[in-house]
Amino acid sequence: MTEEKETGDAPEKTSGFFESTLPVELLLDEEFDKLYERLKAEKRDREIRWGGFWRRASAFFVDSVVLGLLSLLLFYSAYVAYSVGLAAHFRALSWNRLEGFFRLLILAWAILVTGYFVLFHGMEGKTIGKWLLGLRVVGVRQEPITYSRALVRWIGLVISAPFGLGLLWILWSREKRGWHDFLARTWVIRE
């Protein structure tokens, strides 16, 4: 009886073992291949591609066009409002009255441009130009930047732009960072 049990049980376990492991091995191979491909894709994704000078310059050009259109809208609506306001007080438009108008207009334009760059960089890390060219402004750990950091970055750009060297530094920097990026501790990466 014991011999029958041993001989009777052994082939069933062995044949059952071989039959059940074959699909599992194939399944494990497929899972391993999928895992390998996913890890390879993640490694590619982790490689940082910096936003170069020409790509960033093109994005800034697009932003300049957008800001130009917004500025024209601002100037036209301010001119109409100022003319209507003068007409309501029975005054004519003259050069003496335009001086105050231009001061307010320049202040409004500066707020528009500053708001454009600070708000867009603070919200998503990209302006319309950066969005079109696949760029994003990020912090140290590739996290989104805050509004205060976006403001510091903008102030750094305004200070370094007239000299040009702060922007040309993007050409020589290994990480393609301008002086305003160093000041705000930001990077521009390609997505």
N, C-alpha and C. Protein backbone atom coordinates (compact mmCIF):
# COMPACT_ATOMS: atom_id res chain seq x y z
N MET A 1 0.81 -1.19 0.00
CA MET A 1 0.00 0.00 0.00
C MET A 1 0.85 1.25 0.00
N THR A 2 1.87 1.26 0.82
CA THR A 2 2.72 2.42 0.85
C THR A 2 3.44 2.61 -0.46
N GLU A 3 3.79 1.53 -1.12
CA GLU A 3 4.47 1.66 -2.40
C GLU A 3 3.53 2.25 -3.44
N GLU A 4 2.27 1.88 -3.40
CA GLU A 4 1.32 2.40 -4.37
C GLU A 4 1.09 3.89 -4.16
N LYS A 5 1.03 4.26 -2.89
CA LYS A 5 0.83 5.68 -2.61
C LYS A 5 2.02 6.49 -3.09
N GLU A 6 3.21 5.97 -2.81
CA GLU A 6 4.40 6.72 -3.23
C GLU A 6 4.50 6.77 -4.74
N THR A 7 4.31 5.62 -5.39
CA THR A 7 4.41 5.63 -6.84
C THR A 7 3.21 6.31 -7.47
N GLY A 8 2.05 6.22 -6.85
CA GLY A 8 0.86 6.85 -7.40
C GLY A 8 0.90 8.36 -7.25
N ASP A 9 1.45 8.84 -6.14
CA ASP A 9 1.49 10.27 -5.92
C ASP A 9 2.62 10.95 -6.69
N ALA A 10 3.72 10.31 -6.83
CA ALA A 10 4.89 10.94 -7.43
C ALA A 10 4.64 11.37 -8.87
N PRO A 11 4.13 10.54 -9.74
CA PRO A 11 3.94 11.00 -11.10
C PRO A 11 2.90 12.12 -11.20
N GLU A 12 1.90 12.08 -10.37
CA GLU A 12 0.91 13.14 -10.45
C GLU A 12 1.51 14.49 -10.05
N LYS A 13 2.31 14.49 -8.99
CA LYS A 13 2.93 15.74 -8.57
C LYS A 13 3.91 16.23 -9.61
N THR A 14 4.69 15.34 -10.18
CA THR A 14 5.69 15.73 -11.15
C THR A 14 5.02 16.25 -12.41
N SER A 15 4.06 15.50 -12.91
CA SER A 15 3.42 15.97 -14.14
C SER A 15 2.65 17.26 -13.88
N GLY A 16 2.00 17.36 -12.72
CA GLY A 16 1.31 18.59 -12.37
C GLY A 16 2.27 19.75 -12.21
N PHE A 17 3.44 19.47 -11.66
CA PHE A 17 4.44 20.51 -11.47
C PHE A 17 4.93 21.05 -12.81
N PHE A 18 5.25 20.14 -13.73
CA PHE A 18 5.76 20.57 -15.03
C PHE A 18 4.70 21.28 -15.85
N GLU A 19 3.48 20.80 -15.76
CA GLU A 19 2.42 21.44 -16.52
C GLU A 19 2.11 22.84 -15.98
N SER A 20 2.14 23.05 -14.68
CA SER A 20 1.77 24.33 -14.11
C SER A 20 2.91 25.35 -14.18
N THR A 21 4.18 24.90 -14.20
CA THR A 21 5.28 25.86 -14.23
C THR A 21 5.57 26.36 -15.63
N LEU A 22 5.28 25.65 -16.64
CA LEU A 22 5.57 26.09 -17.99
C LEU A 22 4.86 27.40 -18.33
N PRO A 23 3.55 27.51 -18.13
CA PRO A 23 2.92 28.80 -18.40
C PRO A 23 3.39 29.90 -17.44
N VAL A 24 3.71 29.54 -16.20
CA VAL A 24 4.20 30.53 -15.25
C VAL A 24 5.55 31.06 -15.70
N GLU A 25 6.42 30.19 -16.20
CA GLU A 25 7.72 30.64 -16.69
C GLU A 25 7.56 31.59 -17.88
N LEU A 26 6.65 31.22 -18.79
CA LEU A 26 6.39 32.12 -19.93
C LEU A 26 5.82 33.45 -19.44
N LEU A 27 4.92 33.36 -18.48
CA LEU A 27 4.34 34.56 -17.91
C LEU A 27 5.41 35.42 -17.24
N LEU A 28 6.32 34.78 -16.49
CA LEU A 28 7.41 35.51 -15.85
C LEU A 28 8.33 36.14 -16.88
N ASP A 29 8.60 35.44 -17.98
CA ASP A 29 9.43 36.01 -19.03
C ASP A 29 8.77 37.25 -19.64
N GLU A 30 7.46 37.16 -19.89
CA GLU A 30 6.74 38.31 -20.44
C GLU A 30 6.74 39.47 -19.45
N GLU A 31 6.50 39.17 -18.18
CA GLU A 31 6.51 40.21 -17.15
C GLU A 31 7.90 40.84 -17.03
N PHE A 32 8.93 40.00 -17.09
CA PHE A 32 10.29 40.52 -17.02
C PHE A 32 10.59 41.43 -18.20
N ASP A 33 10.15 41.01 -19.40
CA ASP A 33 10.36 41.85 -20.59
C ASP A 33 9.63 43.19 -20.46
N LYS A 34 8.40 43.13 -19.94
CA LYS A 34 7.65 44.38 -19.75
C LYS A 34 8.32 45.27 -18.73
N LEU A 35 8.78 44.67 -17.63
CA LEU A 35 9.46 45.44 -16.59
C LEU A 35 10.74 46.05 -17.13
N TYR A 36 11.49 45.29 -17.91
CA TYR A 36 12.73 45.77 -18.50
C TYR A 36 12.47 46.96 -19.43
N GLU A 37 11.46 46.84 -20.26
CA GLU A 37 11.13 47.93 -21.18
C GLU A 37 10.67 49.17 -20.41
N ARG A 38 9.88 48.96 -19.34
CA ARG A 38 9.43 50.10 -18.54
C ARG A 38 10.59 50.80 -17.86
N LEU A 39 11.52 50.02 -17.30
CA LEU A 39 12.70 50.61 -16.65
C LEU A 39 13.57 51.33 -17.66
N LYS A 40 13.70 50.78 -18.85
CA LYS A 40 14.48 51.44 -19.89
C LYS A 40 13.84 52.76 -20.30
N ALA A 41 12.51 52.77 -20.40
CA ALA A 41 11.79 54.01 -20.74
C ALA A 41 11.92 55.03 -19.62
N GLU A 42 11.85 54.59 -18.36
CA GLU A 42 12.01 55.50 -17.24
C GLU A 42 13.41 56.11 -17.21
N LYS A 43 14.41 55.32 -17.56
CA LYS A 43 15.78 55.84 -17.60
C LYS A 43 15.90 56.91 -18.67
N ARG A 44 15.28 56.67 -19.83
CA ARG A 44 15.28 57.68 -20.89
C ARG A 44 14.58 58.93 -20.42
N ASP A 45 13.46 58.75 -19.69
CA ASP A 45 12.70 59.90 -19.21
C ASP A 45 13.48 60.68 -18.17
N ARG A 46 14.32 59.99 -17.37
CA ARG A 46 15.07 60.68 -16.32
C ARG A 46 16.25 61.47 -16.88
N GLU A 47 16.68 61.16 -18.09
CA GLU A 47 17.77 61.92 -18.69
C GLU A 47 17.26 63.33 -18.96
N ILE A 48 17.97 64.29 -18.45
CA ILE A 48 17.53 65.68 -18.57
C ILE A 48 18.03 66.24 -19.89
N ARG A 49 17.11 66.79 -20.64
CA ARG A 49 17.47 67.48 -21.88
C ARG A 49 17.25 68.96 -21.64
N TRP A 50 18.33 69.71 -21.67
CA TRP A 50 18.26 71.14 -21.37
C TRP A 50 17.67 71.89 -22.55
N GLY A 51 16.98 72.98 -22.23
CA GLY A 51 16.47 73.87 -23.26
C GLY A 51 17.60 74.77 -23.74
N GLY A 52 18.02 74.58 -24.97
CA GLY A 52 19.16 75.32 -25.51
C GLY A 52 18.83 76.76 -25.85
N PHE A 53 19.87 77.48 -26.25
CA PHE A 53 19.76 78.91 -26.51
C PHE A 53 18.75 79.21 -27.62
N TRP A 54 18.85 78.53 -28.76
CA TRP A 54 18.00 78.86 -29.90
C TRP A 54 16.55 78.48 -29.65
N ARG A 55 16.33 77.37 -28.98
CA ARG A 55 14.96 76.98 -28.64
C ARG A 55 14.35 77.99 -27.67
N ARG A 56 15.14 78.42 -26.69
CA ARG A 56 14.65 79.41 -25.72
C ARG A 56 14.44 80.77 -26.40
N ALA A 57 15.33 81.14 -27.32
CA ALA A 57 15.17 82.40 -28.04
C ALA A 57 13.91 82.37 -28.91
N SER A 58 13.62 81.23 -29.52
CA SER A 58 12.40 81.09 -30.33
C SER A 58 11.16 81.20 -29.45
N ALA A 59 11.21 80.59 -28.27
CA ALA A 59 10.08 80.68 -27.34
C ALA A 59 9.88 82.12 -26.89
N PHE A 60 10.98 82.84 -26.65
CA PHE A 60 10.87 84.24 -26.24
C PHE A 60 10.30 85.09 -27.38
N PHE A 61 10.65 84.76 -28.62
CA PHE A 61 10.10 85.47 -29.77
C PHE A 61 8.58 85.28 -29.83
N VAL A 62 8.12 84.04 -29.64
CA VAL A 62 6.67 83.78 -29.63
C VAL A 62 6.00 84.56 -28.51
N ASP A 63 6.63 84.56 -27.33
CA ASP A 63 6.08 85.33 -26.21
C ASP A 63 6.04 86.81 -26.52
N SER A 64 7.05 87.31 -27.24
CA SER A 64 7.08 88.73 -27.62
C SER A 64 5.93 89.06 -28.57
N VAL A 65 5.62 88.16 -29.48
CA VAL A 65 4.50 88.38 -30.40
C VAL A 65 3.19 88.40 -29.62
N VAL A 66 3.02 87.45 -28.70
CA VAL A 66 1.80 87.41 -27.88
C VAL A 66 1.69 88.69 -27.05
N LEU A 67 2.81 89.10 -26.43
CA LEU A 67 2.79 90.32 -25.63
C LEU A 67 2.57 91.56 -26.49
N GLY A 68 3.08 91.55 -27.70
CA GLY A 68 2.84 92.66 -28.62
C GLY A 68 1.36 92.82 -28.93
N LEU A 69 0.69 91.68 -29.17
CA LEU A 69 -0.76 91.74 -29.43
C LEU A 69 -1.53 92.19 -28.19
N LEU A 70 -1.15 91.68 -27.03
CA LEU A 70 -1.80 92.12 -25.79
C LEU A 70 -1.53 93.61 -25.52
N SER A 71 -0.34 94.07 -25.85
CA SER A 71 0.01 95.48 -25.65
C SER A 71 -0.80 96.38 -26.56
N LEU A 72 -0.97 95.95 -27.81
CA LEU A 72 -1.81 96.74 -28.72
C LEU A 72 -3.24 96.84 -28.21
N LEU A 73 -3.75 95.74 -27.69
CA LEU A 73 -5.09 95.75 -27.11
C LEU A 73 -5.15 96.68 -25.90
N LEU A 74 -4.13 96.62 -25.06
CA LEU A 74 -4.05 97.50 -23.89
C LEU A 74 -3.98 98.97 -24.31
N PHE A 75 -3.09 99.29 -25.25
CA PHE A 75 -2.93 100.68 -25.69
C PHE A 75 -4.22 101.22 -26.31
N TYR A 76 -4.84 100.41 -27.16
CA TYR A 76 -6.06 100.88 -27.83
C TYR A 76 -7.19 101.11 -26.83
N SER A 77 -7.40 100.14 -25.93
CA SER A 77 -8.49 100.29 -24.96
C SER A 77 -8.21 101.45 -24.00
N ALA A 78 -6.95 101.66 -23.62
CA ALA A 78 -6.62 102.79 -22.74
C ALA A 78 -6.82 104.12 -23.47
N TYR A 79 -6.45 104.18 -24.75
CA TYR A 79 -6.64 105.40 -25.53
C TYR A 79 -8.13 105.74 -25.66
N VAL A 80 -8.94 104.74 -25.95
CA VAL A 80 -10.38 104.98 -26.08
C VAL A 80 -10.96 105.43 -24.74
N ALA A 81 -10.57 104.76 -23.67
CA ALA A 81 -11.09 105.14 -22.34
C ALA A 81 -10.65 106.55 -21.96
N TYR A 82 -9.41 106.91 -22.26
CA TYR A 82 -8.92 108.24 -21.93
C TYR A 82 -9.64 109.31 -22.76
N SER A 83 -9.83 109.04 -24.04
CA SER A 83 -10.52 110.00 -24.91
C SER A 83 -11.97 110.20 -24.48
N VAL A 84 -12.63 109.10 -24.14
CA VAL A 84 -14.03 109.19 -23.69
C VAL A 84 -14.10 109.94 -22.36
N GLY A 85 -13.16 109.69 -21.46
CA GLY A 85 -13.13 110.38 -20.18
C GLY A 85 -12.91 111.87 -20.34
N LEU A 86 -12.01 112.26 -21.26
CA LEU A 86 -11.80 113.69 -21.51
C LEU A 86 -13.03 114.33 -22.14
N ALA A 87 -13.64 113.60 -23.07
CA ALA A 87 -14.83 114.14 -23.74
C ALA A 87 -15.98 114.30 -22.74
N ALA A 88 -16.07 113.41 -21.76
CA ALA A 88 -17.14 113.51 -20.77
C ALA A 88 -16.99 114.75 -19.89
N HIS A 89 -15.75 115.25 -19.76
CA HIS A 89 -15.49 116.45 -18.97
C HIS A 89 -15.27 117.67 -19.86
N PHE A 90 -15.65 117.55 -21.11
CA PHE A 90 -15.57 118.63 -22.09
C PHE A 90 -14.14 119.15 -22.25
N ARG A 91 -13.21 118.22 -22.31
CA ARG A 91 -11.81 118.60 -22.53
C ARG A 91 -11.32 117.91 -23.79
N ALA A 92 -10.42 118.59 -24.46
CA ALA A 92 -9.87 118.04 -25.69
C ALA A 92 -8.55 117.33 -25.40
N LEU A 93 -8.21 116.43 -26.27
CA LEU A 93 -6.95 115.70 -26.15
C LEU A 93 -5.81 116.60 -26.61
N SER A 94 -4.84 116.83 -25.73
CA SER A 94 -3.71 117.69 -26.07
C SER A 94 -2.41 117.04 -25.60
N TRP A 95 -1.29 117.59 -26.05
CA TRP A 95 0.02 117.04 -25.67
C TRP A 95 0.28 117.17 -24.17
N ASN A 96 -0.20 118.23 -23.56
CA ASN A 96 -0.02 118.40 -22.12
C ASN A 96 -0.71 117.29 -21.32
N ARG A 97 -1.87 116.90 -21.79
CA ARG A 97 -2.62 115.85 -21.08
C ARG A 97 -2.10 114.45 -21.41
N LEU A 98 -1.39 114.30 -22.50
CA LEU A 98 -0.89 112.98 -22.89
C LEU A 98 0.29 112.52 -22.04
N GLU A 99 0.99 113.44 -21.39
CA GLU A 99 2.14 113.05 -20.57
C GLU A 99 1.72 112.13 -19.43
N GLY A 100 0.70 112.49 -18.72
CA GLY A 100 0.19 111.64 -17.63
C GLY A 100 -0.37 110.32 -18.16
N PHE A 101 -1.01 110.43 -19.34
CA PHE A 101 -1.56 109.22 -19.97
C PHE A 101 -0.44 108.23 -20.30
N PHE A 102 0.65 108.73 -20.87
CA PHE A 102 1.76 107.84 -21.24
C PHE A 102 2.44 107.24 -20.00
N ARG A 103 2.53 107.98 -18.93
CA ARG A 103 3.10 107.43 -17.69
C ARG A 103 2.26 106.26 -17.18
N LEU A 104 0.97 106.45 -17.16
CA LEU A 104 0.08 105.37 -16.72
C LEU A 104 0.12 104.19 -17.69
N LEU A 105 0.22 104.50 -18.95
CA LEU A 105 0.27 103.44 -19.96
C LEU A 105 1.54 102.61 -19.84
N ILE A 106 2.67 103.24 -19.61
CA ILE A 106 3.93 102.52 -19.44
C ILE A 106 3.89 101.66 -18.17
N LEU A 107 3.32 102.20 -17.11
CA LEU A 107 3.17 101.43 -15.87
C LEU A 107 2.27 100.21 -16.10
N ALA A 108 1.15 100.41 -16.81
CA ALA A 108 0.24 99.30 -17.10
C ALA A 108 0.92 98.26 -17.98
N TRP A 109 1.74 98.71 -18.94
CA TRP A 109 2.45 97.78 -19.81
C TRP A 109 3.48 96.97 -19.01
N ALA A 110 4.19 97.61 -18.10
CA ALA A 110 5.17 96.90 -17.27
C ALA A 110 4.48 95.84 -16.39
N ILE A 111 3.32 96.18 -15.87
CA ILE A 111 2.56 95.22 -15.06
C ILE A 111 2.08 94.06 -15.93
N LEU A 112 1.65 94.36 -17.16
CA LEU A 112 1.20 93.31 -18.09
C LEU A 112 2.33 92.32 -18.40
N VAL A 113 3.49 92.83 -18.76
CA VAL A 113 4.62 91.97 -19.12
C VAL A 113 5.10 91.17 -17.91
N THR A 114 5.24 91.83 -16.78
CA THR A 114 5.68 91.13 -15.57
C THR A 114 4.67 90.07 -15.17
N GLY A 115 3.40 90.43 -15.19
CA GLY A 115 2.35 89.47 -14.86
C GLY A 115 2.33 88.27 -15.79
N TYR A 116 2.57 88.51 -17.08
CA TYR A 116 2.58 87.42 -18.06
C TYR A 116 3.64 86.38 -17.70
N PHE A 117 4.86 86.83 -17.50
CA PHE A 117 5.95 85.88 -17.23
C PHE A 117 5.86 85.26 -15.83
N VAL A 118 5.52 86.06 -14.84
CA VAL A 118 5.46 85.54 -13.47
C VAL A 118 4.28 84.57 -13.31
N LEU A 119 3.13 84.92 -13.81
CA LEU A 119 1.96 84.05 -13.65
C LEU A 119 2.11 82.74 -14.42
N PHE A 120 2.53 82.83 -15.67
CA PHE A 120 2.67 81.60 -16.45
C PHE A 120 3.77 80.69 -15.90
N HIS A 121 4.90 81.27 -15.52
CA HIS A 121 5.96 80.43 -14.95
C HIS A 121 5.56 79.87 -13.58
N GLY A 122 4.82 80.64 -12.80
CA GLY A 122 4.39 80.17 -11.49
C GLY A 122 3.30 79.11 -11.56
N MET A 123 2.43 79.19 -12.57
CA MET A 123 1.34 78.23 -12.70
C MET A 123 1.83 76.89 -13.26
N GLU A 124 2.39 76.92 -14.44
CA GLU A 124 2.74 75.69 -15.16
C GLU A 124 4.23 75.56 -15.42
N GLY A 125 4.99 76.62 -15.18
CA GLY A 125 6.40 76.57 -15.50
C GLY A 125 6.69 76.86 -16.95
N LYS A 126 5.69 77.32 -17.68
CA LYS A 126 5.91 77.61 -19.09
C LYS A 126 4.95 78.69 -19.58
N THR A 127 5.48 79.52 -20.44
CA THR A 127 4.68 80.53 -21.11
C THR A 127 4.11 79.91 -22.38
N ILE A 128 3.41 80.70 -23.16
CA ILE A 128 2.85 80.18 -24.41
C ILE A 128 3.98 79.76 -25.35
N GLY A 129 5.03 80.56 -25.43
CA GLY A 129 6.17 80.20 -26.28
C GLY A 129 6.87 78.93 -25.82
N LYS A 130 7.07 78.80 -24.53
CA LYS A 130 7.70 77.58 -24.00
C LYS A 130 6.80 76.38 -24.21
N TRP A 131 5.50 76.57 -24.09
CA TRP A 131 4.56 75.48 -24.31
C TRP A 131 4.64 75.00 -25.76
N LEU A 132 4.69 75.93 -26.71
CA LEU A 132 4.75 75.56 -28.12
C LEU A 132 6.06 74.85 -28.47
N LEU A 133 7.14 75.21 -27.80
CA LEU A 133 8.44 74.62 -28.12
C LEU A 133 8.85 73.52 -27.14
N GLY A 134 7.95 73.11 -26.28
CA GLY A 134 8.21 71.97 -25.40
C GLY A 134 9.23 72.23 -24.31
N LEU A 135 9.18 73.41 -23.71
CA LEU A 135 10.11 73.78 -22.64
C LEU A 135 9.34 73.98 -21.34
N ARG A 136 10.04 73.82 -20.22
CA ARG A 136 9.44 74.05 -18.91
C ARG A 136 10.51 74.57 -17.96
N VAL A 137 10.15 75.54 -17.12
CA VAL A 137 11.05 76.06 -16.09
C VAL A 137 10.79 75.26 -14.82
N VAL A 138 11.85 74.69 -14.26
CA VAL A 138 11.71 73.85 -13.07
C VAL A 138 12.73 74.27 -12.02
N GLY A 139 12.50 73.76 -10.79
CA GLY A 139 13.41 74.01 -9.68
C GLY A 139 14.47 72.92 -9.58
N VAL A 140 15.08 72.82 -8.42
CA VAL A 140 16.22 71.93 -8.20
C VAL A 140 15.88 70.47 -8.48
N ARG A 141 14.77 69.98 -7.97
CA ARG A 141 14.39 68.58 -8.13
C ARG A 141 13.37 68.41 -9.25
N GLN A 142 13.40 69.28 -10.22
CA GLN A 142 12.47 69.31 -11.35
C GLN A 142 11.03 69.51 -10.90
N GLU A 143 10.86 70.20 -9.76
CA GLU A 143 9.52 70.52 -9.28
C GLU A 143 9.12 71.87 -9.88
N PRO A 144 7.81 72.14 -9.94
CA PRO A 144 7.36 73.44 -10.43
C PRO A 144 7.87 74.56 -9.53
N ILE A 145 8.10 75.71 -10.13
CA ILE A 145 8.60 76.84 -9.34
C ILE A 145 7.43 77.62 -8.76
N THR A 146 7.71 78.38 -7.72
CA THR A 146 6.69 79.19 -7.06
C THR A 146 6.59 80.55 -7.75
N TYR A 147 5.57 81.29 -7.40
CA TYR A 147 5.41 82.64 -7.96
C TYR A 147 6.54 83.56 -7.52
N SER A 148 6.99 83.41 -6.29
CA SER A 148 8.08 84.27 -5.82
C SER A 148 9.37 83.96 -6.56
N ARG A 149 9.63 82.69 -6.81
CA ARG A 149 10.83 82.33 -7.58
C ARG A 149 10.69 82.81 -9.03
N ALA A 150 9.48 82.76 -9.58
CA ALA A 150 9.26 83.26 -10.93
C ALA A 150 9.49 84.77 -10.99
N LEU A 151 9.11 85.49 -9.92
CA LEU A 151 9.35 86.93 -9.87
C LEU A 151 10.84 87.24 -9.78
N VAL A 152 11.56 86.48 -8.96
CA VAL A 152 13.02 86.67 -8.86
C VAL A 152 13.67 86.38 -10.22
N ARG A 153 13.20 85.35 -10.89
CA ARG A 153 13.74 85.01 -12.22
C ARG A 153 13.48 86.15 -13.20
N TRP A 154 12.28 86.73 -13.16
CA TRP A 154 11.94 87.83 -14.06
C TRP A 154 12.79 89.07 -13.77
N ILE A 155 12.97 89.40 -12.50
CA ILE A 155 13.80 90.55 -12.14
C ILE A 155 15.23 90.32 -12.61
N GLY A 156 15.74 89.11 -12.44
CA GLY A 156 17.08 88.78 -12.92
C GLY A 156 17.19 88.92 -14.42
N LEU A 157 16.14 88.55 -15.14
CA LEU A 157 16.15 88.70 -16.60
C LEU A 157 16.15 90.16 -17.01
N VAL A 158 15.35 90.97 -16.32
CA VAL A 158 15.28 92.39 -16.65
C VAL A 158 16.63 93.06 -16.38
N ILE A 159 17.31 92.65 -15.31
CA ILE A 159 18.61 93.25 -14.97
C ILE A 159 19.70 92.79 -15.96
N SER A 160 19.70 91.50 -16.31
CA SER A 160 20.79 90.98 -17.14
C SER A 160 20.55 91.15 -18.64
N ALA A 161 19.32 91.36 -19.06
CA ALA A 161 19.03 91.45 -20.49
C ALA A 161 19.67 92.65 -21.19
N PRO A 162 19.70 93.84 -20.60
CA PRO A 162 20.31 94.96 -21.31
C PRO A 162 21.79 94.74 -21.64
N PHE A 163 22.50 94.02 -20.80
CA PHE A 163 23.91 93.76 -21.06
C PHE A 163 24.10 92.62 -22.07
N GLY A 164 23.13 91.73 -22.14
CA GLY A 164 23.20 90.63 -23.10
C GLY A 164 24.05 89.46 -22.66
N LEU A 165 25.03 89.71 -21.81
CA LEU A 165 25.94 88.64 -21.39
C LEU A 165 25.21 87.59 -20.55
N GLY A 166 24.25 88.02 -19.75
CA GLY A 166 23.49 87.08 -18.94
C GLY A 166 22.69 86.10 -19.77
N LEU A 167 22.23 86.55 -20.94
CA LEU A 167 21.49 85.67 -21.84
C LEU A 167 22.44 84.84 -22.70
N LEU A 168 23.54 85.45 -23.13
CA LEU A 168 24.52 84.69 -23.93
C LEU A 168 25.20 83.60 -23.11
N TRP A 169 25.13 83.73 -21.79
CA TRP A 169 25.72 82.71 -20.92
C TRP A 169 25.07 81.35 -21.17
N ILE A 170 23.85 81.35 -21.67
CA ILE A 170 23.14 80.10 -21.99
C ILE A 170 23.94 79.30 -23.02
N LEU A 171 24.61 79.98 -23.94
CA LEU A 171 25.42 79.29 -24.95
C LEU A 171 26.60 78.55 -24.33
N TRP A 172 27.20 79.11 -23.28
CA TRP A 172 28.42 78.53 -22.71
C TRP A 172 28.16 77.62 -21.53
N SER A 173 27.02 77.77 -20.90
CA SER A 173 26.72 76.97 -19.71
C SER A 173 26.42 75.53 -20.11
N ARG A 174 26.96 74.59 -19.34
CA ARG A 174 26.73 73.17 -19.63
C ARG A 174 25.26 72.81 -19.47
N GLU A 175 24.60 73.41 -18.50
CA GLU A 175 23.18 73.14 -18.24
C GLU A 175 22.27 74.15 -18.94
N LYS A 176 22.84 74.98 -19.80
CA LYS A 176 22.09 75.97 -20.59
C LYS A 176 21.29 76.91 -19.71
N ARG A 177 21.97 77.47 -18.70
CA ARG A 177 21.33 78.40 -17.76
C ARG A 177 21.85 79.81 -17.97
N GLY A 178 20.93 80.77 -17.93
CA GLY A 178 21.31 82.17 -17.96
C GLY A 178 21.53 82.68 -16.55
N TRP A 179 21.99 83.92 -16.45
CA TRP A 179 22.24 84.49 -15.13
C TRP A 179 20.97 84.55 -14.30
N HIS A 180 19.85 84.84 -14.95
CA HIS A 180 18.58 84.90 -14.23
C HIS A 180 18.19 83.52 -13.70
N ASP A 181 18.59 82.44 -14.39
CA ASP A 181 18.34 81.09 -13.90
C ASP A 181 19.20 80.79 -12.67
N PHE A 182 20.46 81.24 -12.70
CA PHE A 182 21.33 81.04 -11.54
C PHE A 182 20.80 81.80 -10.33
N LEU A 183 20.32 83.02 -10.57
CA LEU A 183 19.81 83.84 -9.48
C LEU A 183 18.58 83.21 -8.82
N ALA A 184 17.66 82.68 -9.64
CA ALA A 184 16.43 82.11 -9.12
C ALA A 184 16.54 80.61 -8.83
N ARG A 185 17.69 80.02 -9.11
CA ARG A 185 17.91 78.58 -8.95
C ARG A 185 16.87 77.78 -9.74
N THR A 186 16.79 78.11 -11.05
CA THR A 186 15.87 77.43 -11.95
C THR A 186 16.64 76.85 -13.12
N TRP A 187 16.00 75.91 -13.80
CA TRP A 187 16.52 75.29 -15.02
C TRP A 187 15.41 75.26 -16.04
N VAL A 188 15.78 75.33 -17.31
CA VAL A 188 14.81 75.18 -18.38
C VAL A 188 15.10 73.85 -19.05
N ILE A 189 14.11 72.96 -19.02
CA ILE A 189 14.29 71.63 -19.59
C ILE A 189 13.33 71.42 -20.74
N ARG A 190 13.67 70.46 -21.58
CA ARG A 190 12.78 70.07 -22.68
C ARG A 190 11.91 68.92 -22.20
N GLU A 191 10.67 68.95 -22.62
CA GLU A 191 9.75 67.87 -22.22
C GLU A 191 9.62 66.87 -23.35
